[in-house]
Amino acid sequence: DELPERPVPLGPLAQRDELIDLLLRQAHCYLSASVWDPGPMHPIEAAQCGLPVVYHLDGGGIVELAQRYGVGFRDDVKGALVEARDRYPLLRQEVLKSAPSGTEMCRKFEAALTQ
């Protein structure tokens, strides 16, 4: 169960939502090295695809979001990926149980705008 030497970059596919969705659903976890991102959507989309999230501990909003179903890291990305692999069944179960609902987020956003 070796980890790949390098991640597979999505490159220009990142502009094609349907391909991103397909690629995310083939993955086992989502890695984000984003730092100080106050309201990231990318880990929400990954969680909605059932992926545990490996995230930077200085990631801003992602920390609060992903701590229930992910693994944080500061300097040891490989160690966090190994931990996510080792805890995968539990993390996967938790993300499937508690991933944010896109529909519910839209309802709450609309309610806030129409108050």
C-alpha atoms as a PDB file:
ATOM      1  CA  ASP A   1       0.000   0.000   0.000  1.00  0.00           C
ATOM      2  CA  GLU A   2       2.586   2.535  -1.086  1.00  0.00           C
ATOM      3  CA  LEU A   3       1.597   6.138  -1.566  1.00  0.00           C
ATOM      4  CA  PRO A   4       2.207   7.538  -5.044  1.00  0.00           C
ATOM      5  CA  GLU A   5       5.381   9.540  -5.468  1.00  0.00           C
ATOM      6  CA  ARG A   6       3.467  12.620  -6.619  1.00  0.00           C
ATOM      7  CA  PRO A   7      -0.198  13.649  -6.669  1.00  0.00           C
ATOM      8  CA  VAL A   8      -1.981  13.672 -10.003  1.00  0.00           C
ATOM      9  CA  PRO A   9      -2.598  17.335 -10.947  1.00  0.00           C
ATOM     10  CA  LEU A  10      -5.956  18.180 -12.470  1.00  0.00           C
ATOM     11  CA  GLY A  11      -4.549  20.989 -14.605  1.00  0.00           C
ATOM     12  CA  PRO A  12      -7.008  22.566 -17.057  1.00  0.00           C
ATOM     13  CA  LEU A  13      -9.715  20.058 -16.118  1.00  0.00           C
ATOM     14  CA  ALA A  14     -10.373  22.163 -13.021  1.00  0.00           C
ATOM     15  CA  GLN A  15     -12.673  24.330 -15.169  1.00  0.00           C
ATOM     16  CA  ARG A  16     -14.977  21.439 -16.053  1.00  0.00           C
ATOM     17  CA  ASP A  17     -17.289  20.704 -13.124  1.00  0.00           C
ATOM     18  CA  GLU A  18     -18.561  17.379 -14.423  1.00  0.00           C
ATOM     19  CA  LEU A  19     -15.022  16.058 -14.872  1.00  0.00           C
ATOM     20  CA  ILE A  20     -13.983  17.289 -11.452  1.00  0.00           C
ATOM     21  CA  ASP A  21     -16.969  15.495  -9.945  1.00  0.00           C
ATOM     22  CA  LEU A  22     -16.011  12.302 -11.767  1.00  0.00           C
ATOM     23  CA  LEU A  23     -12.361  12.550 -10.672  1.00  0.00           C
ATOM     24  CA  LEU A  24     -13.296  13.316  -7.065  1.00  0.00           C
ATOM     25  CA  ARG A  25     -15.589  10.306  -6.908  1.00  0.00           C
ATOM     26  CA  GLN A  26     -12.690   8.075  -8.017  1.00  0.00           C
ATOM     27  CA  ALA A  27     -10.394   9.365  -5.246  1.00  0.00           C
ATOM     28  CA  HIS A  28     -10.002   8.073  -1.700  1.00  0.00           C
ATOM     29  CA  CYS A  29      -9.301  11.412   0.000  1.00  0.00           C
ATOM     30  CA  TYR A  30      -8.944  15.096  -0.798  1.00  0.00           C
ATOM     31  CA  LEU A  31      -5.700  16.953  -0.056  1.00  0.00           C
ATOM     32  CA  SER A  32      -5.719  20.706   0.462  1.00  0.00           C
ATOM     33  CA  ALA A  33      -2.618  22.724   1.344  1.00  0.00           C
ATOM     34  CA  SER A  34      -4.653  25.934   1.347  1.00  0.00           C
ATOM     35  CA  VAL A  35      -3.623  28.349   4.125  1.00  0.00           C
ATOM     36  CA  TRP A  36      -5.830  31.006   5.727  1.00  0.00           C
ATOM     37  CA  ASP A  37      -8.769  30.500   3.369  1.00  0.00           C
ATOM     38  CA  PRO A  38     -11.748  31.928   5.275  1.00  0.00           C
ATOM     39  CA  GLY A  39     -14.570  30.229   3.366  1.00  0.00           C
ATOM     40  CA  PRO A  40     -13.331  27.514   1.045  1.00  0.00           C
ATOM     41  CA  MET A  41     -15.803  25.611  -1.130  1.00  0.00           C
ATOM     42  CA  HIS A  42     -13.348  22.988  -2.432  1.00  0.00           C
ATOM     43  CA  PRO A  43     -13.299  20.874   0.760  1.00  0.00           C
ATOM     44  CA  ILE A  44     -17.098  21.095   0.959  1.00  0.00           C
ATOM     45  CA  GLU A  45     -17.379  19.763  -2.588  1.00  0.00           C
ATOM     46  CA  ALA A  46     -14.911  16.987  -1.763  1.00  0.00           C
ATOM     47  CA  ALA A  47     -16.882  16.035   1.349  1.00  0.00           C
ATOM     48  CA  GLN A  48     -20.095  16.007  -0.680  1.00  0.00           C
ATOM     49  CA  CYS A  49     -18.371  13.438  -2.908  1.00  0.00           C
ATOM     50  CA  GLY A  50     -17.682  11.313   0.197  1.00  0.00           C
ATOM     51  CA  LEU A  51     -13.985  12.112   0.548  1.00  0.00           C
ATOM     52  CA  PRO A  52     -12.166  12.473   3.848  1.00  0.00           C
ATOM     53  CA  VAL A  53     -10.118  15.680   3.752  1.00  0.00           C
ATOM     54  CA  VAL A  54      -6.403  16.024   4.488  1.00  0.00           C
ATOM     55  CA  TYR A  55      -5.915  19.700   5.301  1.00  0.00           C
ATOM     56  CA  HIS A  56      -3.341  22.230   6.523  1.00  0.00           C
ATOM     57  CA  LEU A  57      -3.825  23.139  10.180  1.00  0.00           C
ATOM     58  CA  ASP A  58      -3.487  26.834   9.257  1.00  0.00           C
ATOM     59  CA  GLY A  59      -6.111  26.417   6.551  1.00  0.00           C
ATOM     60  CA  GLY A  60      -8.641  28.870   7.956  1.00  0.00           C
ATOM     61  CA  GLY A  61     -12.267  27.747   7.549  1.00  0.00           C
ATOM     62  CA  ILE A  62     -11.314  24.283   6.352  1.00  0.00           C
ATOM     63  CA  VAL A  63     -10.043  23.343   9.831  1.00  0.00           C
ATOM     64  CA  GLU A  64     -13.443  23.803  11.456  1.00  0.00           C
ATOM     65  CA  LEU A  65     -15.167  22.064   8.569  1.00  0.00           C
ATOM     66  CA  ALA A  66     -12.912  19.040   8.087  1.00  0.00           C
ATOM     67  CA  GLN A  67     -11.764  18.187  11.604  1.00  0.00           C
ATOM     68  CA  ARG A  68     -14.706  15.748  12.001  1.00  0.00           C
ATOM     69  CA  TYR A  69     -13.806  13.721   8.919  1.00  0.00           C
ATOM     70  CA  GLY A  70     -10.240  14.552   8.062  1.00  0.00           C
ATOM     71  CA  VAL A  71      -6.618  14.693   9.142  1.00  0.00           C
ATOM     72  CA  GLY A  72      -4.721  17.916   9.674  1.00  0.00           C
ATOM     73  CA  PHE A  73      -1.042  18.530   8.999  1.00  0.00           C
ATOM     74  CA  ARG A  74       1.459  21.322   9.352  1.00  0.00           C
ATOM     75  CA  ASP A  75       4.766  20.022   7.957  1.00  0.00           C
ATOM     76  CA  ASP A  76       4.256  16.282   7.486  1.00  0.00           C
ATOM     77  CA  VAL A  77       1.911  15.865   4.518  1.00  0.00           C
ATOM     78  CA  LYS A  78       2.969  12.272   3.910  1.00  0.00           C
ATOM     79  CA  GLY A  79       2.324  11.391   7.547  1.00  0.00           C
ATOM     80  CA  ALA A  80      -1.173  12.898   7.318  1.00  0.00           C
ATOM     81  CA  LEU A  81      -1.889  10.909   4.149  1.00  0.00           C
ATOM     82  CA  VAL A  82      -0.706   7.702   5.833  1.00  0.00           C
ATOM     83  CA  GLU A  83      -2.912   8.477   8.846  1.00  0.00           C
ATOM     84  CA  ALA A  84      -5.892   9.131   6.561  1.00  0.00           C
ATOM     85  CA  ARG A  85      -5.234   5.799   4.850  1.00  0.00           C
ATOM     86  CA  ASP A  86      -5.018   3.989   8.186  1.00  0.00           C
ATOM     87  CA  ARG A  87      -8.196   5.638   9.500  1.00  0.00           C
ATOM     88  CA  TYR A  88     -10.017   5.550   6.166  1.00  0.00           C
ATOM     89  CA  PRO A  89     -13.043   3.397   7.141  1.00  0.00           C
ATOM     90  CA  LEU A  90     -13.843   5.642  10.122  1.00  0.00           C
ATOM     91  CA  LEU A  91     -13.190   8.899   8.244  1.00  0.00           C
ATOM     92  CA  ARG A  92     -15.268   7.730   5.277  1.00  0.00           C
ATOM     93  CA  GLN A  93     -18.152   6.753   7.543  1.00  0.00           C
ATOM     94  CA  GLU A  94     -18.021  10.142   9.269  1.00  0.00           C
ATOM     95  CA  VAL A  95     -17.897  12.165   6.047  1.00  0.00           C
ATOM     96  CA  LEU A  96     -20.856  10.227   4.633  1.00  0.00           C
ATOM     97  CA  LYS A  97     -22.779  10.922   7.832  1.00  0.00           C
ATOM     98  CA  SER A  98     -21.953  14.602   8.236  1.00  0.00           C
ATOM     99  CA  ALA A  99     -20.932  16.137   4.903  1.00  0.00           C
ATOM    100  CA  PRO A 100     -22.524  19.560   4.351  1.00  0.00           C
ATOM    101  CA  SER A 101     -25.674  19.517   2.250  1.00  0.00           C
ATOM    102  CA  GLY A 102     -25.459  21.805  -0.773  1.00  0.00           C
ATOM    103  CA  THR A 103     -29.233  22.178  -0.829  1.00  0.00           C
ATOM    104  CA  GLU A 104     -29.351  23.121   2.849  1.00  0.00           C
ATOM    105  CA  MET A 105     -26.489  25.617   2.435  1.00  0.00           C
ATOM    106  CA  CYS A 106     -28.370  27.291  -0.435  1.00  0.00           C
ATOM    107  CA  ARG A 107     -31.589  27.463   1.622  1.00  0.00           C
ATOM    108  CA  LYS A 108     -29.779  29.083   4.539  1.00  0.00           C
ATOM    109  CA  PHE A 109     -27.999  31.538   2.251  1.00  0.00           C
ATOM    110  CA  GLU A 110     -31.288  32.516   0.611  1.00  0.00           C
ATOM    111  CA  ALA A 111     -32.941  32.929   4.017  1.00  0.00           C
ATOM    112  CA  ALA A 112     -30.114  35.191   5.170  1.00  0.00           C
ATOM    113  CA  LEU A 113     -30.423  37.341   2.041  1.00  0.00           C
ATOM    114  CA  THR A 114     -34.201  37.705   2.302  1.00  0.00           C
ATOM    115  CA  GLN A 115     -34.388  38.668   5.984  1.00  0.00           C
END
